[in-house]
Every structure is written in structure tokens, then in C-alpha cells.
Amino acid sequence: MSYFFDTYAIIEIMLNNPSYEKYRNFPVKISILNIAEIYSIILRNKSKDEADKWLENYNFELLEISTKTIAKAVYFRFMRKNNISLTDAAGYLLSLENNLKFLTGDRQFKDMPNVEFVK
């Protein structure tokens, strides 16, 4: 099984949440939007130095987001009307496009297909 790691999942791994322990050794596949979101979270909660250190040292596989995927993500958000962020919508669609399970603990995805929901 391969996964697309939502920002939620990466943060939980960074916080050593035991529920995410089994995912630590999987290749971390994310988008540039997730990188921006995580960098922002670390910047807000820690420091620029910590955010830069994470960016330098974290091992991830970057999946490219096409303009078509972005348009689909915007439409997905519009149709669902349940406060899914653009980053989350794009990540979910990237997971579908790349035959990856979407790993998250975001409640908006709890009962959706192709989601591995972990709290």
C-alpha cells in the first residue's frame, strides 16, 4: 500500500502520535501545497530556523499538481461545501490520480472512499 500524506498526517508523525507510528517508514508523497502548509505551521508555532531545518531534512516525494488538478480541486471544494481546504482537496485528488490511499485524520474525509482515516 502506498499513501499520499495529508498535512494532518505529517504533523501527527512529527508529534510522535502513536497512531501514526506504522506510517513512519512509508515514502512520504506530498504536493508543494502541503510543503507550504507545513512550513507555515512550523513557522507559526516554532521559528523560521525550525521551518528551514524541516524543509532541508525531511525526505519526501513531491507529486506535481497540474492546472487540471487544481481546477478539479476548486470544483471539489465548491461542490462539497464543507470547509475542505484547497490543499486538502488537491491532495485528495492527487491520491486518486496516482492510485494512492489518502492518509489523514481530518474529519471532513472520515467516511470518504480511498481514505485511510487515523486519529
PDB file of N, CA and C in Angstrom:
ATOM      1  N   MET A   1       0.847  -1.182   0.000  1.00  0.00           N
ATOM      2  CA  MET A   1       0.000   0.000   0.000  1.00  0.00           C
ATOM      3  C   MET A   1       0.889   1.242   0.000  1.00  0.00           C
ATOM      4  N   SER A   2       0.544   2.208  -0.839  1.00  0.00           N
ATOM      5  CA  SER A   2       1.237   3.499  -0.867  1.00  0.00           C
ATOM      6  C   SER A   2       0.248   4.588  -0.501  1.00  0.00           C
ATOM      7  N   TYR A   3       0.768   5.656   0.081  1.00  0.00           N
ATOM      8  CA  TYR A   3      -0.085   6.715   0.612  1.00  0.00           C
ATOM      9  C   TYR A   3       0.307   8.091   0.105  1.00  0.00           C
ATOM     10  N   PHE A   4      -0.704   8.944   0.006  1.00  0.00           N
ATOM     11  CA  PHE A   4      -0.483  10.379  -0.094  1.00  0.00           C
ATOM     12  C   PHE A   4      -0.663  10.899   1.326  1.00  0.00           C
ATOM     13  N   PHE A   5       0.345  11.564   1.846  1.00  0.00           N
ATOM     14  CA  PHE A   5       0.308  12.054   3.223  1.00  0.00           C
ATOM     15  C   PHE A   5      -0.292  13.451   3.271  1.00  0.00           C
ATOM     16  N   ASP A   6      -1.459  13.553   3.855  1.00  0.00           N
ATOM     17  CA  ASP A   6      -2.057  14.856   4.097  1.00  0.00           C
ATOM     18  C   ASP A   6      -1.207  15.593   5.134  1.00  0.00           C
ATOM     19  N   THR A   7      -1.302  16.910   5.144  1.00  0.00           N
ATOM     20  CA  THR A   7      -0.575  17.708   6.136  1.00  0.00           C
ATOM     21  C   THR A   7      -0.862  17.208   7.547  1.00  0.00           C
ATOM     22  N   TYR A   8      -2.112  16.874   7.816  1.00  0.00           N
ATOM     23  CA  TYR A   8      -2.503  16.367   9.136  1.00  0.00           C
ATOM     24  C   TYR A   8      -1.629  15.176   9.521  1.00  0.00           C
ATOM     25  N   ALA A   9      -1.469  14.237   8.603  1.00  0.00           N
ATOM     26  CA  ALA A   9      -0.697  13.022   8.880  1.00  0.00           C
ATOM     27  C   ALA A   9       0.770  13.351   9.160  1.00  0.00           C
ATOM     28  N   ILE A  10       1.338  14.242   8.391  1.00  0.00           N
ATOM     29  CA  ILE A  10       2.748  14.595   8.585  1.00  0.00           C
ATOM     30  C   ILE A  10       2.958  15.264   9.937  1.00  0.00           C
ATOM     31  N   ILE A  11       2.067  16.166  10.301  1.00  0.00           N
ATOM     32  CA  ILE A  11       2.174  16.837  11.603  1.00  0.00           C
ATOM     33  C   ILE A  11       2.054  15.815  12.736  1.00  0.00           C
ATOM     34  N   GLU A  12       1.128  14.873  12.617  1.00  0.00           N
ATOM     35  CA  GLU A  12       0.973  13.846  13.656  1.00  0.00           C
ATOM     36  C   GLU A  12       2.222  12.972  13.776  1.00  0.00           C
ATOM     37  N   ILE A  13       2.851  12.674  12.662  1.00  0.00           N
ATOM     38  CA  ILE A  13       4.106  11.913  12.700  1.00  0.00           C
ATOM     39  C   ILE A  13       5.188  12.739  13.391  1.00  0.00           C
ATOM     40  N   MET A  14       5.255  14.022  13.062  1.00  0.00           N
ATOM     41  CA  MET A  14       6.239  14.911  13.699  1.00  0.00           C
ATOM     42  C   MET A  14       6.007  15.012  15.210  1.00  0.00           C
ATOM     43  N   LEU A  15       4.740  14.920  15.628  1.00  0.00           N
ATOM     44  CA  LEU A  15       4.392  14.999  17.048  1.00  0.00           C
ATOM     45  C   LEU A  15       4.472  13.641  17.752  1.00  0.00           C
ATOM     46  N   ASN A  16       4.918  12.622  17.005  1.00  0.00           N
ATOM     47  CA  ASN A  16       5.068  11.259  17.539  1.00  0.00           C
ATOM     48  C   ASN A  16       3.760  10.643  18.026  1.00  0.00           C
ATOM     49  N   ASN A  17       2.677  10.924  17.329  1.00  0.00           N
ATOM     50  CA  ASN A  17       1.396  10.298  17.644  1.00  0.00           C
ATOM     51  C   ASN A  17       1.535   8.789  17.401  1.00  0.00           C
ATOM     52  N   PRO A  18       1.321   7.958  18.428  1.00  0.00           N
ATOM     53  CA  PRO A  18       1.490   6.508  18.271  1.00  0.00           C
ATOM     54  C   PRO A  18       0.584   5.903  17.199  1.00  0.00           C
ATOM     55  N   SER A  19      -0.538   6.513  16.920  1.00  0.00           N
ATOM     56  CA  SER A  19      -1.448   6.003  15.889  1.00  0.00           C
ATOM     57  C   SER A  19      -0.816   6.068  14.496  1.00  0.00           C
ATOM     58  N   TYR A  20       0.168   6.931  14.327  1.00  0.00           N
ATOM     59  CA  TYR A  20       0.824   7.104  13.030  1.00  0.00           C
ATOM     60  C   TYR A  20       2.177   6.400  12.946  1.00  0.00           C
ATOM     61  N   GLU A  21       2.547   5.693  13.992  1.00  0.00           N
ATOM     62  CA  GLU A  21       3.860   5.042  14.039  1.00  0.00           C
ATOM     63  C   GLU A  21       4.080   4.111  12.851  1.00  0.00           C
ATOM     64  N   LYS A  22       3.077   3.354  12.477  1.00  0.00           N
ATOM     65  CA  LYS A  22       3.252   2.371  11.396  1.00  0.00           C
ATOM     66  C   LYS A  22       3.468   3.012  10.025  1.00  0.00           C
ATOM     67  N   TYR A  23       3.221   4.321   9.906  1.00  0.00           N
ATOM     68  CA  TYR A  23       3.380   5.008   8.624  1.00  0.00           C
ATOM     69  C   TYR A  23       4.745   5.680   8.480  1.00  0.00           C
ATOM     70  N   ARG A  24       5.538   5.686   9.536  1.00  0.00           N
ATOM     71  CA  ARG A  24       6.836   6.386   9.546  1.00  0.00           C
ATOM     72  C   ARG A  24       7.784   5.953   8.437  1.00  0.00           C
ATOM     73  N   ASN A  25       7.759   4.678   8.081  1.00  0.00           N
ATOM     74  CA  ASN A  25       8.726   4.165   7.111  1.00  0.00           C
ATOM     75  C   ASN A  25       8.204   4.113   5.681  1.00  0.00           C
ATOM     76  N   PHE A  26       7.005   4.603   5.467  1.00  0.00           N
ATOM     77  CA  PHE A  26       6.474   4.675   4.108  1.00  0.00           C
ATOM     78  C   PHE A  26       7.069   5.886   3.395  1.00  0.00           C
ATOM     79  N   PRO A  27       7.243   5.812   2.078  1.00  0.00           N
ATOM     80  CA  PRO A  27       7.677   7.003   1.344  1.00  0.00           C
ATOM     81  C   PRO A  27       6.614   8.100   1.500  1.00  0.00           C
ATOM     82  N   VAL A  28       7.051   9.299   1.832  1.00  0.00           N
ATOM     83  CA  VAL A  28       6.124  10.409   2.065  1.00  0.00           C
ATOM     84  C   VAL A  28       5.883  11.124   0.742  1.00  0.00           C
ATOM     85  N   LYS A  29       4.697  10.906   0.189  1.00  0.00           N
ATOM     86  CA  LYS A  29       4.316  11.532  -1.079  1.00  0.00           C
ATOM     87  C   LYS A  29       3.371  12.680  -0.769  1.00  0.00           C
ATOM     88  N   ILE A  30       3.781  13.892  -1.185  1.00  0.00           N
ATOM     89  CA  ILE A  30       3.015  15.102  -0.890  1.00  0.00           C
ATOM     90  C   ILE A  30       3.091  16.061  -2.070  1.00  0.00           C
ATOM     91  N   SER A  31       2.368  17.157  -1.970  1.00  0.00           N
ATOM     92  CA  SER A  31       2.409  18.198  -3.003  1.00  0.00           C
ATOM     93  C   SER A  31       3.115  19.437  -2.471  1.00  0.00           C
ATOM     94  N   ILE A  32       3.415  20.344  -3.354  1.00  0.00           N
ATOM     95  CA  ILE A  32       4.037  21.614  -2.978  1.00  0.00           C
ATOM     96  C   ILE A  32       3.118  22.399  -2.042  1.00  0.00           C
ATOM     97  N   LEU A  33       1.808  22.211  -2.188  1.00  0.00           N
ATOM     98  CA  LEU A  33       0.867  22.896  -1.297  1.00  0.00           C
ATOM     99  C   LEU A  33       1.011  22.393   0.137  1.00  0.00           C
ATOM    100  N   ASN A  34       1.237  21.090   0.302  1.00  0.00           N
ATOM    101  CA  ASN A  34       1.461  20.544   1.648  1.00  0.00           C
ATOM    102  C   ASN A  34       2.748  21.095   2.248  1.00  0.00           C
ATOM    103  N   ILE A  35       3.770  21.208   1.422  1.00  0.00           N
ATOM    104  CA  ILE A  35       5.032  21.761   1.913  1.00  0.00           C
ATOM    105  C   ILE A  35       4.811  23.181   2.433  1.00  0.00           C
ATOM    106  N   ALA A  36       4.091  23.984   1.666  1.00  0.00           N
ATOM    107  CA  ALA A  36       3.807  25.363   2.092  1.00  0.00           C
ATOM    108  C   ALA A  36       3.014  25.379   3.392  1.00  0.00           C
ATOM    109  N   GLU A  37       2.033  24.501   3.494  1.00  0.00           N
ATOM    110  CA  GLU A  37       1.189  24.453   4.687  1.00  0.00           C
ATOM    111  C   GLU A  37       1.999  24.033   5.928  1.00  0.00           C
ATOM    112  N   ILE A  38       2.818  23.013   5.781  1.00  0.00           N
ATOM    113  CA  ILE A  38       3.628  22.535   6.904  1.00  0.00           C
ATOM    114  C   ILE A  38       4.666  23.581   7.300  1.00  0.00           C
ATOM    115  N   TYR A  39       5.314  24.171   6.312  1.00  0.00           N
ATOM    116  CA  TYR A  39       6.297  25.219   6.595  1.00  0.00           C
ATOM    117  C   TYR A  39       5.641  26.344   7.389  1.00  0.00           C
ATOM    118  N   SER A  40       4.451  26.727   6.979  1.00  0.00           N
ATOM    119  CA  SER A  40       3.704  27.793   7.658  1.00  0.00           C
ATOM    120  C   SER A  40       3.369  27.412   9.104  1.00  0.00           C
ATOM    121  N   ILE A  41       2.961  26.180   9.318  1.00  0.00           N
ATOM    122  CA  ILE A  41       2.626  25.708  10.671  1.00  0.00           C
ATOM    123  C   ILE A  41       3.863  25.745  11.569  1.00  0.00           C
ATOM    124  N   ILE A  42       4.982  25.256  11.055  1.00  0.00           N
ATOM    125  CA  ILE A  42       6.216  25.261  11.853  1.00  0.00           C
ATOM    126  C   ILE A  42       6.664  26.698  12.118  1.00  0.00           C
ATOM    127  N   LEU A  43       6.571  27.543  11.117  1.00  0.00           N
ATOM    128  CA  LEU A  43       6.940  28.952  11.257  1.00  0.00           C
ATOM    129  C   LEU A  43       6.113  29.629  12.346  1.00  0.00           C
ATOM    130  N   ARG A  44       4.808  29.378  12.329  1.00  0.00           N
ATOM    131  CA  ARG A  44       3.892  29.971  13.316  1.00  0.00           C
ATOM    132  C   ARG A  44       4.135  29.459  14.731  1.00  0.00           C
ATOM    133  N   ASN A  45       4.381  28.154  14.843  1.00  0.00           N
ATOM    134  CA  ASN A  45       4.475  27.525  16.160  1.00  0.00           C
ATOM    135  C   ASN A  45       5.887  27.396  16.716  1.00  0.00           C
ATOM    136  N   LYS A  46       6.876  27.495  15.856  1.00  0.00           N
ATOM    137  CA  LYS A  46       8.276  27.336  16.302  1.00  0.00           C
ATOM    138  C   LYS A  46       9.084  28.561  15.872  1.00  0.00           C
ATOM    139  N   SER A  47       9.757  28.446  14.718  1.00  0.00           N
ATOM    140  CA  SER A  47      10.592  29.549  14.228  1.00  0.00           C
ATOM    141  C   SER A  47      10.935  29.324  12.758  1.00  0.00           C
ATOM    142  N   LYS A  48      11.476  30.350  12.134  1.00  0.00           N
ATOM    143  CA  LYS A  48      11.926  30.224  10.751  1.00  0.00           C
ATOM    144  C   LYS A  48      13.061  29.207  10.662  1.00  0.00           C
ATOM    145  N   ASP A  49      13.961  29.229  11.635  1.00  0.00           N
ATOM    146  CA  ASP A  49      15.065  28.260  11.640  1.00  0.00           C
ATOM    147  C   ASP A  49      14.548  26.826  11.675  1.00  0.00           C
ATOM    148  N   GLU A  50      13.549  26.565  12.520  1.00  0.00           N
ATOM    149  CA  GLU A  50      12.962  25.215  12.599  1.00  0.00           C
ATOM    150  C   GLU A  50      12.278  24.843  11.280  1.00  0.00           C
ATOM    151  N   ALA A  51      11.563  25.781  10.686  1.00  0.00           N
ATOM    152  CA  ALA A  51      10.884  25.525   9.412  1.00  0.00           C
ATOM    153  C   ALA A  51      11.906  25.232   8.316  1.00  0.00           C
ATOM    154  N   ASP A  52      12.974  26.015   8.272  1.00  0.00           N
ATOM    155  CA  ASP A  52      14.028  25.789   7.279  1.00  0.00           C
ATOM    156  C   ASP A  52      14.707  24.438   7.495  1.00  0.00           C
ATOM    157  N   LYS A  53      14.931  24.089   8.750  1.00  0.00           N
ATOM    158  CA  LYS A  53      15.565  22.807   9.083  1.00  0.00           C
ATOM    159  C   LYS A  53      14.677  21.652   8.615  1.00  0.00           C
ATOM    160  N   TRP A  54      13.367  21.773   8.863  1.00  0.00           N
ATOM    161  CA  TRP A  54      12.444  20.724   8.409  1.00  0.00           C
ATOM    162  C   TRP A  54      12.518  20.583   6.893  1.00  0.00           C
ATOM    163  N   LEU A  55      12.473  21.706   6.200  1.00  0.00           N
ATOM    164  CA  LEU A  55      12.483  21.689   4.737  1.00  0.00           C
ATOM    165  C   LEU A  55      13.763  21.054   4.194  1.00  0.00           C
ATOM    166  N   GLU A  56      14.875  21.340   4.826  1.00  0.00           N
ATOM    167  CA  GLU A  56      16.164  20.786   4.415  1.00  0.00           C
ATOM    168  C   GLU A  56      16.271  19.291   4.664  1.00  0.00           C
ATOM    169  N   ASN A  57      15.735  18.837   5.784  1.00  0.00           N
ATOM    170  CA  ASN A  57      15.996  17.472   6.241  1.00  0.00           C
ATOM    171  C   ASN A  57      14.892  16.463   5.988  1.00  0.00           C
ATOM    172  N   TYR A  58      13.688  16.915   5.683  1.00  0.00           N
ATOM    173  CA  TYR A  58      12.590  15.971   5.532  1.00  0.00           C
ATOM    174  C   TYR A  58      12.687  15.287   4.177  1.00  0.00           C
ATOM    175  N   ASN A  59      12.515  14.000   4.175  1.00  0.00           N
ATOM    176  CA  ASN A  59      12.614  13.220   2.954  1.00  0.00           C
ATOM    177  C   ASN A  59      11.210  12.958   2.406  1.00  0.00           C
ATOM    178  N   PHE A  60      10.875  13.569   1.288  1.00  0.00           N
ATOM    179  CA  PHE A  60       9.557  13.369   0.700  1.00  0.00           C
ATOM    180  C   PHE A  60       9.652  13.277  -0.812  1.00  0.00           C
ATOM    181  N   GLU A  61       8.614  12.708  -1.395  1.00  0.00           N
ATOM    182  CA  GLU A  61       8.490  12.636  -2.846  1.00  0.00           C
ATOM    183  C   GLU A  61       7.407  13.627  -3.252  1.00  0.00           C
ATOM    184  N   LEU A  62       7.794  14.586  -4.055  1.00  0.00           N
ATOM    185  CA  LEU A  62       6.889  15.649  -4.461  1.00  0.00           C
ATOM    186  C   LEU A  62       6.085  15.225  -5.688  1.00  0.00           C
ATOM    187  N   LEU A  63       4.755  15.255  -5.577  1.00  0.00           N
ATOM    188  CA  LEU A  63       3.886  14.963  -6.710  1.00  0.00           C
ATOM    189  C   LEU A  63       3.449  16.282  -7.338  1.00  0.00           C
ATOM    190  N   GLU A  64       3.576  16.366  -8.635  1.00  0.00           N
ATOM    191  CA  GLU A  64       3.249  17.596  -9.351  1.00  0.00           C
ATOM    192  C   GLU A  64       1.734  17.788  -9.442  1.00  0.00           C
ATOM    193  N   ILE A  65       1.321  19.029  -9.292  1.00  0.00           N
ATOM    194  CA  ILE A  65      -0.097  19.371  -9.426  1.00  0.00           C
ATOM    195  C   ILE A  65      -0.287  20.096 -10.749  1.00  0.00           C
ATOM    196  N   SER A  66      -1.099  19.523 -11.611  1.00  0.00           N
ATOM    197  CA  SER A  66      -1.374  20.160 -12.902  1.00  0.00           C
ATOM    198  C   SER A  66      -2.469  21.210 -12.747  1.00  0.00           C
ATOM    199  N   THR A  67      -2.599  22.063 -13.742  1.00  0.00           N
ATOM    200  CA  THR A  67      -3.675  23.063 -13.709  1.00  0.00           C
ATOM    201  C   THR A  67      -5.037  22.364 -13.734  1.00  0.00           C
ATOM    202  N   LYS A  68      -5.108  21.238 -14.407  1.00  0.00           N
ATOM    203  CA  LYS A  68      -6.360  20.471 -14.450  1.00  0.00           C
ATOM    204  C   LYS A  68      -6.728  19.964 -13.045  1.00  0.00           C
ATOM    205  N   THR A  69      -5.737  19.484 -12.306  1.00  0.00           N
ATOM    206  CA  THR A  69      -5.984  19.000 -10.942  1.00  0.00           C
ATOM    207  C   THR A  69      -6.409  20.144 -10.032  1.00  0.00           C
ATOM    208  N   ILE A  70      -5.774  21.307 -10.179  1.00  0.00           N
ATOM    209  CA  ILE A  70      -6.163  22.470  -9.369  1.00  0.00           C
ATOM    210  C   ILE A  70      -7.608  22.854  -9.665  1.00  0.00           C
ATOM    211  N   ALA A  71      -7.972  22.876 -10.940  1.00  0.00           N
ATOM    212  CA  ALA A  71      -9.355  23.212 -11.306  1.00  0.00           C
ATOM    213  C   ALA A  71     -10.327  22.195 -10.705  1.00  0.00           C
ATOM    214  N   LYS A  72      -9.975  20.909 -10.764  1.00  0.00           N
ATOM    215  CA  LYS A  72     -10.824  19.871 -10.166  1.00  0.00           C
ATOM    216  C   LYS A  72     -10.930  20.053  -8.654  1.00  0.00           C
ATOM    217  N   ALA A  73      -9.825  20.449  -8.026  1.00  0.00           N
ATOM    218  CA  ALA A  73      -9.813  20.652  -6.570  1.00  0.00           C
ATOM    219  C   ALA A  73     -10.723  21.814  -6.175  1.00  0.00           C
ATOM    220  N   VAL A  74     -10.683  22.881  -6.941  1.00  0.00           N
ATOM    221  CA  VAL A  74     -11.557  24.030  -6.668  1.00  0.00           C
ATOM    222  C   VAL A  74     -13.015  23.605  -6.811  1.00  0.00           C
ATOM    223  N   TYR A  75     -13.319  22.848  -7.854  1.00  0.00           N
ATOM    224  CA  TYR A  75     -14.691  22.370  -8.071  1.00  0.00           C
ATOM    225  C   TYR A  75     -15.112  21.406  -6.952  1.00  0.00           C
ATOM    226  N   PHE A  76     -14.213  20.523  -6.560  1.00  0.00           N
ATOM    227  CA  PHE A  76     -14.464  19.576  -5.470  1.00  0.00           C
ATOM    228  C   PHE A  76     -14.853  20.335  -4.201  1.00  0.00           C
ATOM    229  N   ARG A  77     -14.105  21.365  -3.861  1.00  0.00           N
ATOM    230  CA  ARG A  77     -14.403  22.197  -2.679  1.00  0.00           C
ATOM    231  C   ARG A  77     -15.767  22.866  -2.829  1.00  0.00           C
ATOM    232  N   PHE A  78     -16.014  23.408  -4.003  1.00  0.00           N
ATOM    233  CA  PHE A  78     -17.266  24.116  -4.267  1.00  0.00           C
ATOM    234  C   PHE A  78     -18.463  23.185  -4.092  1.00  0.00           C
ATOM    235  N   MET A  79     -18.363  21.982  -4.610  1.00  0.00           N
ATOM    236  CA  MET A  79     -19.478  21.035  -4.560  1.00  0.00           C
ATOM    237  C   MET A  79     -19.701  20.461  -3.154  1.00  0.00           C
ATOM    238  N   ARG A  80     -18.658  20.291  -2.381  1.00  0.00           N
ATOM    239  CA  ARG A  80     -18.797  19.678  -1.055  1.00  0.00           C
ATOM    240  C   ARG A  80     -19.244  20.664   0.008  1.00  0.00           C
ATOM    241  N   LYS A  81     -18.868  21.903  -0.120  1.00  0.00           N
ATOM    242  CA  LYS A  81     -19.296  22.963   0.806  1.00  0.00           C
ATOM    243  C   LYS A  81     -19.091  22.589   2.276  1.00  0.00           C
ATOM    244  N   ASN A  82     -17.978  21.922   2.589  1.00  0.00           N
ATOM    245  CA  ASN A  82     -17.759  21.545   3.990  1.00  0.00           C
ATOM    246  C   ASN A  82     -16.367  21.927   4.497  1.00  0.00           C
ATOM    247  N   ASN A  83     -15.923  23.077   4.087  1.00  0.00           N
ATOM    248  CA  ASN A  83     -14.675  23.650   4.606  1.00  0.00           C
ATOM    249  C   ASN A  83     -13.427  22.806   4.362  1.00  0.00           C
ATOM    250  N   ILE A  84     -13.358  22.125   3.257  1.00  0.00           N
ATOM    251  CA  ILE A  84     -12.132  21.428   2.880  1.00  0.00           C
ATOM    252  C   ILE A  84     -11.200  22.471   2.267  1.00  0.00           C
ATOM    253  N   SER A  85      -9.965  22.498   2.727  1.00  0.00           N
ATOM    254  CA  SER A  85      -9.008  23.468   2.185  1.00  0.00           C
ATOM    255  C   SER A  85      -8.607  23.076   0.764  1.00  0.00           C
ATOM    256  N   LEU A  86      -8.098  24.038   0.023  1.00  0.00           N
ATOM    257  CA  LEU A  86      -7.614  23.753  -1.326  1.00  0.00           C
ATOM    258  C   LEU A  86      -6.474  22.735  -1.272  1.00  0.00           C
ATOM    259  N   THR A  87      -5.606  22.863  -0.286  1.00  0.00           N
ATOM    260  CA  THR A  87      -4.502  21.908  -0.124  1.00  0.00           C
ATOM    261  C   THR A  87      -5.036  20.494   0.074  1.00  0.00           C
ATOM    262  N   ASP A  88      -6.036  20.346   0.931  1.00  0.00           N
ATOM    263  CA  ASP A  88      -6.622  19.024   1.180  1.00  0.00           C
ATOM    264  C   ASP A  88      -7.338  18.481  -0.056  1.00  0.00           C
ATOM    265  N   ALA A  89      -8.092  19.337  -0.722  1.00  0.00           N
ATOM    266  CA  ALA A  89      -8.816  18.907  -1.926  1.00  0.00           C
ATOM    267  C   ALA A  89      -7.836  18.466  -3.010  1.00  0.00           C
ATOM    268  N   ALA A  90      -6.793  19.251  -3.226  1.00  0.00           N
ATOM    269  CA  ALA A  90      -5.791  18.898  -4.237  1.00  0.00           C
ATOM    270  C   ALA A  90      -5.081  17.601  -3.852  1.00  0.00           C
ATOM    271  N   GLY A  91      -4.748  17.445  -2.582  1.00  0.00           N
ATOM    272  CA  GLY A  91      -4.094  16.220  -2.127  1.00  0.00           C
ATOM    273  C   GLY A  91      -4.963  14.996  -2.332  1.00  0.00           C
ATOM    274  N   TYR A  92      -6.236  15.127  -2.002  1.00  0.00           N
ATOM    275  CA  TYR A  92      -7.162  14.008  -2.178  1.00  0.00           C
ATOM    276  C   TYR A  92      -7.241  13.612  -3.655  1.00  0.00           C
ATOM    277  N   LEU A  93      -7.369  14.601  -4.529  1.00  0.00           N
ATOM    278  CA  LEU A  93      -7.446  14.304  -5.961  1.00  0.00           C
ATOM    279  C   LEU A  93      -6.131  13.732  -6.488  1.00  0.00           C
ATOM    280  N   LEU A  94      -5.003  14.236  -5.993  1.00  0.00           N
ATOM    281  CA  LEU A  94      -3.708  13.656  -6.378  1.00  0.00           C
ATOM    282  C   LEU A  94      -3.612  12.198  -5.944  1.00  0.00           C
ATOM    283  N   SER A  95      -4.149  11.887  -4.781  1.00  0.00           N
ATOM    284  CA  SER A  95      -4.114  10.494  -4.323  1.00  0.00           C
ATOM    285  C   SER A  95      -4.905   9.604  -5.285  1.00  0.00           C
ATOM    286  N   LEU A  96      -6.052  10.085  -5.725  1.00  0.00           N
ATOM    287  CA  LEU A  96      -6.860   9.312  -6.676  1.00  0.00           C
ATOM    288  C   LEU A  96      -6.139   9.157  -8.015  1.00  0.00           C
ATOM    289  N   GLU A  97      -5.563  10.252  -8.509  1.00  0.00           N
ATOM    290  CA  GLU A  97      -4.871  10.234  -9.803  1.00  0.00           C
ATOM    291  C   GLU A  97      -3.645   9.327  -9.796  1.00  0.00           C
ATOM    292  N   ASN A  98      -3.038   9.149  -8.635  1.00  0.00           N
ATOM    293  CA  ASN A  98      -1.797   8.378  -8.532  1.00  0.00           C
ATOM    294  C   ASN A  98      -1.975   7.024  -7.849  1.00  0.00           C
ATOM    295  N   ASN A  99      -3.228   6.592  -7.713  1.00  0.00           N
ATOM    296  CA  ASN A  99      -3.538   5.298  -7.084  1.00  0.00           C
ATOM    297  C   ASN A  99      -2.900   5.154  -5.702  1.00  0.00           C
ATOM    298  N   LEU A 100      -3.043   6.207  -4.905  1.00  0.00           N
ATOM    299  CA  LEU A 100      -2.531   6.222  -3.538  1.00  0.00           C
ATOM    300  C   LEU A 100      -3.696   6.361  -2.574  1.00  0.00           C
ATOM    301  N   LYS A 101      -3.567   5.776  -1.423  1.00  0.00           N
ATOM    302  CA  LYS A 101      -4.553   5.966  -0.356  1.00  0.00           C
ATOM    303  C   LYS A 101      -4.272   7.326   0.287  1.00  0.00           C
ATOM    304  N   PHE A 102      -5.318   8.093   0.585  1.00  0.00           N
ATOM    305  CA  PHE A 102      -5.181   9.415   1.208  1.00  0.00           C
ATOM    306  C   PHE A 102      -5.142   9.229   2.716  1.00  0.00           C
ATOM    307  N   LEU A 103      -3.990   9.492   3.321  1.00  0.00           N
ATOM    308  CA  LEU A 103      -3.790   9.304   4.756  1.00  0.00           C
ATOM    309  C   LEU A 103      -4.041  10.615   5.485  1.00  0.00           C
ATOM    310  N   THR A 104      -5.047  10.624   6.364  1.00  0.00           N
ATOM    311  CA  THR A 104      -5.408  11.846   7.076  1.00  0.00           C
ATOM    312  C   THR A 104      -6.175  11.526   8.350  1.00  0.00           C
ATOM    313  N   GLY A 105      -6.307  12.533   9.173  1.00  0.00           N
ATOM    314  CA  GLY A 105      -7.173  12.469  10.344  1.00  0.00           C
ATOM    315  C   GLY A 105      -8.171  13.608  10.314  1.00  0.00           C
ATOM    316  N   ASP A 106      -8.203  14.341   9.198  1.00  0.00           N
ATOM    317  CA  ASP A 106      -9.169  15.439   9.051  1.00  0.00           C
ATOM    318  C   ASP A 106     -10.580  14.876   8.973  1.00  0.00           C
ATOM    319  N   ARG A 107     -11.441  15.344   9.874  1.00  0.00           N
ATOM    320  CA  ARG A 107     -12.799  14.802   9.987  1.00  0.00           C
ATOM    321  C   ARG A 107     -13.615  14.929   8.696  1.00  0.00           C
ATOM    322  N   GLN A 108     -13.315  15.920   7.853  1.00  0.00           N
ATOM    323  CA  GLN A 108     -14.071  16.089   6.606  1.00  0.00           C
ATOM    324  C   GLN A 108     -13.907  14.894   5.667  1.00  0.00           C
ATOM    325  N   PHE A 109     -12.864  14.102   5.876  1.00  0.00           N
ATOM    326  CA  PHE A 109     -12.593  12.964   4.995  1.00  0.00           C
ATOM    327  C   PHE A 109     -12.958  11.623   5.625  1.00  0.00           C
ATOM    328  N   LYS A 110     -13.516  11.647   6.824  1.00  0.00           N
ATOM    329  CA  LYS A 110     -13.706  10.423   7.605  1.00  0.00           C
ATOM    330  C   LYS A 110     -14.392   9.285   6.851  1.00  0.00           C
ATOM    331  N   ASP A 111     -15.463   9.542   6.169  1.00  0.00           N
ATOM    332  CA  ASP A 111     -16.217   8.459   5.525  1.00  0.00           C
ATOM    333  C   ASP A 111     -16.107   8.479   4.006  1.00  0.00           C
ATOM    334  N   MET A 112     -15.072   9.106   3.500  1.00  0.00           N
ATOM    335  CA  MET A 112     -14.918   9.186   2.048  1.00  0.00           C
ATOM    336  C   MET A 112     -14.158   7.976   1.516  1.00  0.00           C
ATOM    337  N   PRO A 113     -14.419   7.616   0.259  1.00  0.00           N
ATOM    338  CA  PRO A 113     -13.686   6.498  -0.340  1.00  0.00           C
ATOM    339  C   PRO A 113     -12.208   6.852  -0.528  1.00  0.00           C
ATOM    340  N   ASN A 114     -11.367   5.843  -0.539  1.00  0.00           N
ATOM    341  CA  ASN A 114      -9.933   5.981  -0.781  1.00  0.00           C
ATOM    342  C   ASN A 114      -9.199   6.734   0.332  1.00  0.00           C
ATOM    343  N   VAL A 115      -9.776   6.746   1.531  1.00  0.00           N
ATOM    344  CA  VAL A 115      -9.177   7.457   2.658  1.00  0.00           C
ATOM    345  C   VAL A 115      -8.810   6.466   3.755  1.00  0.00           C
ATOM    346  N   GLU A 116      -7.602   6.600   4.265  1.00  0.00           N
ATOM    347  CA  GLU A 116      -7.221   5.886   5.483  1.00  0.00           C
ATOM    348  C   GLU A 116      -7.271   6.935   6.587  1.00  0.00           C
ATOM    349  N   PHE A 117      -8.327   6.842   7.395  1.00  0.00           N
ATOM    350  CA  PHE A 117      -8.585   7.837   8.433  1.00  0.00           C
ATOM    351  C   PHE A 117      -7.967   7.367   9.742  1.00  0.00           C
ATOM    352  N   VAL A 118      -7.041   8.165  10.269  1.00  0.00           N
ATOM    353  CA  VAL A 118      -6.335   7.812  11.504  1.00  0.00           C
ATOM    354  C   VAL A 118      -6.311   9.034  12.402  1.00  0.00           C
ATOM    355  N   LYS A 119      -6.719   8.858  13.643  1.00  0.00           N
ATOM    356  CA  LYS A 119      -6.693   9.972  14.614  1.00  0.00           C
ATOM    357  C   LYS A 119      -5.518   9.875  15.520  1.00  0.00           C
TER     358      LYS A 119
END
